[in-house]
PDB file of N, CA and C in Angstrom:
ATOM      1  N   MET A   1       0.848  -1.182   0.000  1.00  0.00           N
ATOM      2  CA  MET A   1       0.000   0.000   0.000  1.00  0.00           C
ATOM      3  C   MET A   1       0.888   1.238   0.000  1.00  0.00           C
ATOM      4  N   LYS A   2       0.470   2.241  -0.753  1.00  0.00           N
ATOM      5  CA  LYS A   2       1.138   3.531  -0.737  1.00  0.00           C
ATOM      6  C   LYS A   2       0.145   4.570  -0.238  1.00  0.00           C
ATOM      7  N   VAL A   3       0.660   5.584   0.443  1.00  0.00           N
ATOM      8  CA  VAL A   3      -0.180   6.652   0.978  1.00  0.00           C
ATOM      9  C   VAL A   3       0.278   7.969   0.372  1.00  0.00           C
ATOM     10  N   LYS A   4      -0.673   8.695  -0.187  1.00  0.00           N
ATOM     11  CA  LYS A   4      -0.384  10.004  -0.772  1.00  0.00           C
ATOM     12  C   LYS A   4      -1.275  11.031  -0.076  1.00  0.00           C
ATOM     13  N   ILE A   5      -0.702  12.178   0.235  1.00  0.00           N
ATOM     14  CA  ILE A   5      -1.473  13.277   0.822  1.00  0.00           C
ATOM     15  C   ILE A   5      -1.633  14.345  -0.255  1.00  0.00           C
ATOM     16  N   GLU A   6      -2.867  14.586  -0.675  1.00  0.00           N
ATOM     17  CA  GLU A   6      -3.137  15.591  -1.688  1.00  0.00           C
ATOM     18  C   GLU A   6      -3.143  16.982  -1.059  1.00  0.00           C
ATOM     19  N   ASP A   7      -3.051  17.996  -1.918  1.00  0.00           N
ATOM     20  CA  ASP A   7      -3.157  19.377  -1.457  1.00  0.00           C
ATOM     21  C   ASP A   7      -4.504  19.578  -0.770  1.00  0.00           C
ATOM     22  N   GLY A   8      -4.517  20.421   0.231  1.00  0.00           N
ATOM     23  CA  GLY A   8      -5.759  20.720   0.921  1.00  0.00           C
ATOM     24  C   GLY A   8      -5.799  20.238   2.358  1.00  0.00           C
ATOM     25  N   CYS A   9      -4.714  19.601   2.813  1.00  0.00           N
ATOM     26  CA  CYS A   9      -4.654  19.145   4.198  1.00  0.00           C
ATOM     27  C   CYS A   9      -4.810  20.341   5.134  1.00  0.00           C
ATOM     28  N   ILE A  10      -5.675  20.190   6.133  1.00  0.00           N
ATOM     29  CA  ILE A  10      -5.896  21.267   7.101  1.00  0.00           C
ATOM     30  C   ILE A  10      -5.166  21.017   8.425  1.00  0.00           C
ATOM     31  N   ALA A  11      -4.338  19.973   8.464  1.00  0.00           N
ATOM     32  CA  ALA A  11      -3.532  19.636   9.641  1.00  0.00           C
ATOM     33  C   ALA A  11      -4.380  19.536  10.910  1.00  0.00           C
ATOM     34  N   CYS A  12      -5.526  18.878  10.795  1.00  0.00           N
ATOM     35  CA  CYS A  12      -6.436  18.766  11.943  1.00  0.00           C
ATOM     36  C   CYS A  12      -5.957  17.757  12.984  1.00  0.00           C
ATOM     37  N   GLY A  13      -5.127  16.793  12.556  1.00  0.00           N
ATOM     38  CA  GLY A  13      -4.591  15.812  13.485  1.00  0.00           C
ATOM     39  C   GLY A  13      -5.397  14.534  13.607  1.00  0.00           C
ATOM     40  N   ALA A  14      -6.496  14.398  12.871  1.00  0.00           N
ATOM     41  CA  ALA A  14      -7.321  13.196  12.973  1.00  0.00           C
ATOM     42  C   ALA A  14      -6.521  11.949  12.602  1.00  0.00           C
ATOM     43  N   CYS A  15      -5.767  12.012  11.515  1.00  0.00           N
ATOM     44  CA  CYS A  15      -5.009  10.841  11.081  1.00  0.00           C
ATOM     45  C   CYS A  15      -3.945  10.457  12.107  1.00  0.00           C
ATOM     46  N   GLU A  16      -3.281  11.451  12.669  1.00  0.00           N
ATOM     47  CA  GLU A  16      -2.247  11.183  13.671  1.00  0.00           C
ATOM     48  C   GLU A  16      -2.854  10.578  14.937  1.00  0.00           C
ATOM     49  N   SER A  17      -4.042  11.026  15.324  1.00  0.00           N
ATOM     50  CA  SER A  17      -4.665  10.475  16.527  1.00  0.00           C
ATOM     51  C   SER A  17      -5.081   9.020  16.330  1.00  0.00           C
ATOM     52  N   ILE A  18      -5.366   8.641  15.087  1.00  0.00           N
ATOM     53  CA  ILE A  18      -5.741   7.260  14.788  1.00  0.00           C
ATOM     54  C   ILE A  18      -4.522   6.376  14.577  1.00  0.00           C
ATOM     55  N   CYS A  19      -3.492   6.908  13.902  1.00  0.00           N
ATOM     56  CA  CYS A  19      -2.325   6.088  13.557  1.00  0.00           C
ATOM     57  C   CYS A  19      -1.049   6.920  13.599  1.00  0.00           C
ATOM     58  N   ASP A  20      -0.565   7.193  14.804  1.00  0.00           N
ATOM     59  CA  ASP A  20       0.638   8.020  14.931  1.00  0.00           C
ATOM     60  C   ASP A  20       1.922   7.310  14.518  1.00  0.00           C
ATOM     61  N   ALA A  21       1.849   6.014  14.264  1.00  0.00           N
ATOM     62  CA  ALA A  21       3.017   5.286  13.763  1.00  0.00           C
ATOM     63  C   ALA A  21       3.300   5.648  12.306  1.00  0.00           C
ATOM     64  N   VAL A  22       2.275   6.103  11.596  1.00  0.00           N
ATOM     65  CA  VAL A  22       2.418   6.435  10.178  1.00  0.00           C
ATOM     66  C   VAL A  22       2.299   7.934   9.923  1.00  0.00           C
ATOM     67  N   PHE A  23       1.356   8.599  10.596  1.00  0.00           N
ATOM     68  CA  PHE A  23       1.084  10.009  10.308  1.00  0.00           C
ATOM     69  C   PHE A  23       1.617  10.924  11.405  1.00  0.00           C
ATOM     70  N   THR A  24       2.292  11.988  10.989  1.00  0.00           N
ATOM     71  CA  THR A  24       2.757  13.024  11.900  1.00  0.00           C
ATOM     72  C   THR A  24       2.288  14.362  11.349  1.00  0.00           C
ATOM     73  N   VAL A  25       1.592  15.137  12.158  1.00  0.00           N
ATOM     74  CA  VAL A  25       1.071  16.421  11.707  1.00  0.00           C
ATOM     75  C   VAL A  25       1.982  17.532  12.204  1.00  0.00           C
ATOM     76  N   GLU A  26       2.482  18.299  11.252  1.00  0.00           N
ATOM     77  CA  GLU A  26       3.211  19.535  11.569  1.00  0.00           C
ATOM     78  C   GLU A  26       2.445  20.644  10.854  1.00  0.00           C
ATOM     79  N   ASP A  27       3.023  21.287   9.867  1.00  0.00           N
ATOM     80  CA  ASP A  27       2.255  22.244   9.059  1.00  0.00           C
ATOM     81  C   ASP A  27       1.329  21.497   8.107  1.00  0.00           C
ATOM     82  N   THR A  28       1.771  20.322   7.686  1.00  0.00           N
ATOM     83  CA  THR A  28       0.945  19.396   6.911  1.00  0.00           C
ATOM     84  C   THR A  28       1.213  18.015   7.490  1.00  0.00           C
ATOM     85  N   VAL A  29       0.785  16.994   6.798  1.00  0.00           N
ATOM     86  CA  VAL A  29       0.978  15.629   7.295  1.00  0.00           C
ATOM     87  C   VAL A  29       2.228  15.023   6.678  1.00  0.00           C
ATOM     88  N   LEU A  30       3.044  14.411   7.525  1.00  0.00           N
ATOM     89  CA  LEU A  30       4.194  13.640   7.068  1.00  0.00           C
ATOM     90  C   LEU A  30       3.834  12.171   7.210  1.00  0.00           C
ATOM     91  N   VAL A  31       4.237  11.372   6.221  1.00  0.00           N
ATOM     92  CA  VAL A  31       3.918   9.945   6.212  1.00  0.00           C
ATOM     93  C   VAL A  31       5.192   9.140   6.426  1.00  0.00           C
ATOM     94  N   ASN A  32       5.200   8.292   7.442  1.00  0.00           N
ATOM     95  CA  ASN A  32       6.325   7.393   7.697  1.00  0.00           C
ATOM     96  C   ASN A  32       6.060   6.106   6.915  1.00  0.00           C
ATOM     97  N   GLU A  33       6.585   6.053   5.696  1.00  0.00           N
ATOM     98  CA  GLU A  33       6.293   4.940   4.793  1.00  0.00           C
ATOM     99  C   GLU A  33       6.763   3.595   5.332  1.00  0.00           C
ATOM    100  N   ALA A  34       7.797   3.583   6.145  1.00  0.00           N
ATOM    101  CA  ALA A  34       8.334   2.327   6.675  1.00  0.00           C
ATOM    102  C   ALA A  34       7.334   1.611   7.581  1.00  0.00           C
ATOM    103  N   ASN A  35       6.396   2.343   8.157  1.00  0.00           N
ATOM    104  CA  ASN A  35       5.438   1.738   9.090  1.00  0.00           C
ATOM    105  C   ASN A  35       4.076   1.428   8.493  1.00  0.00           C
ATOM    106  N   ILE A  36       3.888   1.687   7.208  1.00  0.00           N
ATOM    107  CA  ILE A  36       2.570   1.488   6.596  1.00  0.00           C
ATOM    108  C   ILE A  36       2.144   0.028   6.633  1.00  0.00           C
ATOM    109  N   SER A  37       3.001  -0.879   6.188  1.00  0.00           N
ATOM    110  CA  SER A  37       2.580  -2.280   6.057  1.00  0.00           C
ATOM    111  C   SER A  37       2.169  -2.899   7.390  1.00  0.00           C
ATOM    112  N   ALA A  38       2.777  -2.487   8.485  1.00  0.00           N
ATOM    113  CA  ALA A  38       2.444  -3.034   9.796  1.00  0.00           C
ATOM    114  C   ALA A  38       1.182  -2.406  10.393  1.00  0.00           C
ATOM    115  N   ASN A  39       0.671  -1.356   9.743  1.00  0.00           N
ATOM    116  CA  ASN A  39      -0.470  -0.616  10.296  1.00  0.00           C
ATOM    117  C   ASN A  39      -1.559  -0.361   9.259  1.00  0.00           C
ATOM    118  N   GLU A  40      -1.729  -1.267   8.296  1.00  0.00           N
ATOM    119  CA  GLU A  40      -2.637  -1.018   7.178  1.00  0.00           C
ATOM    120  C   GLU A  40      -4.077  -0.743   7.594  1.00  0.00           C
ATOM    121  N   GLU A  41      -4.597  -1.465   8.567  1.00  0.00           N
ATOM    122  CA  GLU A  41      -5.989  -1.238   8.982  1.00  0.00           C
ATOM    123  C   GLU A  41      -6.163   0.154   9.594  1.00  0.00           C
ATOM    124  N   ALA A  42      -5.208   0.573  10.413  1.00  0.00           N
ATOM    125  CA  ALA A  42      -5.276   1.905  11.022  1.00  0.00           C
ATOM    126  C   ALA A  42      -5.107   2.992   9.961  1.00  0.00           C
ATOM    127  N   VAL A  43      -4.277   2.746   8.957  1.00  0.00           N
ATOM    128  CA  VAL A  43      -4.089   3.709   7.867  1.00  0.00           C
ATOM    129  C   VAL A  43      -5.406   3.871   7.105  1.00  0.00           C
ATOM    130  N   LYS A  44      -6.087   2.774   6.826  1.00  0.00           N
ATOM    131  CA  LYS A  44      -7.387   2.832   6.141  1.00  0.00           C
ATOM    132  C   LYS A  44      -8.401   3.612   6.983  1.00  0.00           C
ATOM    133  N   GLU A  45      -8.404   3.355   8.283  1.00  0.00           N
ATOM    134  CA  GLU A  45      -9.322   4.063   9.183  1.00  0.00           C
ATOM    135  C   GLU A  45      -9.020   5.562   9.193  1.00  0.00           C
ATOM    136  N   ALA A  46      -7.741   5.918   9.208  1.00  0.00           N
ATOM    137  CA  ALA A  46      -7.345   7.327   9.197  1.00  0.00           C
ATOM    138  C   ALA A  46      -7.765   8.004   7.896  1.00  0.00           C
ATOM    139  N   ALA A  47      -7.611   7.313   6.780  1.00  0.00           N
ATOM    140  CA  ALA A  47      -8.010   7.879   5.490  1.00  0.00           C
ATOM    141  C   ALA A  47      -9.518   8.133   5.458  1.00  0.00           C
ATOM    142  N   GLU A  48     -10.294   7.199   5.999  1.00  0.00           N
ATOM    143  CA  GLU A  48     -11.746   7.361   6.036  1.00  0.00           C
ATOM    144  C   GLU A  48     -12.159   8.492   6.972  1.00  0.00           C
ATOM    145  N   ALA A  49     -11.380   8.746   8.019  1.00  0.00           N
ATOM    146  CA  ALA A  49     -11.725   9.766   9.001  1.00  0.00           C
ATOM    147  C   ALA A  49     -11.302  11.172   8.577  1.00  0.00           C
ATOM    148  N   CYS A  50     -10.482  11.283   7.544  1.00  0.00           N
ATOM    149  CA  CYS A  50      -9.987  12.605   7.116  1.00  0.00           C
ATOM    150  C   CYS A  50     -11.156  13.487   6.709  1.00  0.00           C
ATOM    151  N   PRO A  51     -11.334  14.651   7.376  1.00  0.00           N
ATOM    152  CA  PRO A  51     -12.493  15.495   7.084  1.00  0.00           C
ATOM    153  C   PRO A  51     -12.455  16.173   5.729  1.00  0.00           C
ATOM    154  N   VAL A  52     -11.267  16.247   5.109  1.00  0.00           N
ATOM    155  CA  VAL A  52     -11.155  16.885   3.789  1.00  0.00           C
ATOM    156  C   VAL A  52     -10.766  15.874   2.709  1.00  0.00           C
ATOM    157  N   SER A  53     -10.745  14.598   3.060  1.00  0.00           N
ATOM    158  CA  SER A  53     -10.501  13.492   2.111  1.00  0.00           C
ATOM    159  C   SER A  53      -9.253  13.676   1.248  1.00  0.00           C
ATOM    160  N   VAL A  54      -8.128  14.016   1.891  1.00  0.00           N
ATOM    161  CA  VAL A  54      -6.891  14.204   1.135  1.00  0.00           C
ATOM    162  C   VAL A  54      -5.913  13.044   1.283  1.00  0.00           C
ATOM    163  N   ILE A  55      -6.251  12.026   2.081  1.00  0.00           N
ATOM    164  CA  ILE A  55      -5.394  10.853   2.229  1.00  0.00           C
ATOM    165  C   ILE A  55      -5.826   9.841   1.182  1.00  0.00           C
ATOM    166  N   ILE A  56      -4.948   9.599   0.221  1.00  0.00           N
ATOM    167  CA  ILE A  56      -5.244   8.701  -0.885  1.00  0.00           C
ATOM    168  C   ILE A  56      -4.429   7.421  -0.716  1.00  0.00           C
ATOM    169  N   LEU A  57      -5.103   6.281  -0.748  1.00  0.00           N
ATOM    170  CA  LEU A  57      -4.445   4.986  -0.614  1.00  0.00           C
ATOM    171  C   LEU A  57      -4.358   4.339  -1.994  1.00  0.00           C
ATOM    172  N   GLU A  58      -3.163   3.871  -2.318  1.00  0.00           N
ATOM    173  CA  GLU A  58      -2.955   3.226  -3.620  1.00  0.00           C
ATOM    174  C   GLU A  58      -2.477   1.813  -3.441  1.00  0.00           C
TER     175      GLU A  58
END
């Protein structure tokens, strides 16, 4: 799985609160790609919870 963050992130922190092993919110979201495979279900949950739908899973 790959995770892409599209333009429009509002840095609300929802993804980080669900899966801080993968998502870190600063001015925008940083993705720790090394931890995606071990946290796929949480990554999917974070993408669904994004209020602006900018987390794209490929």
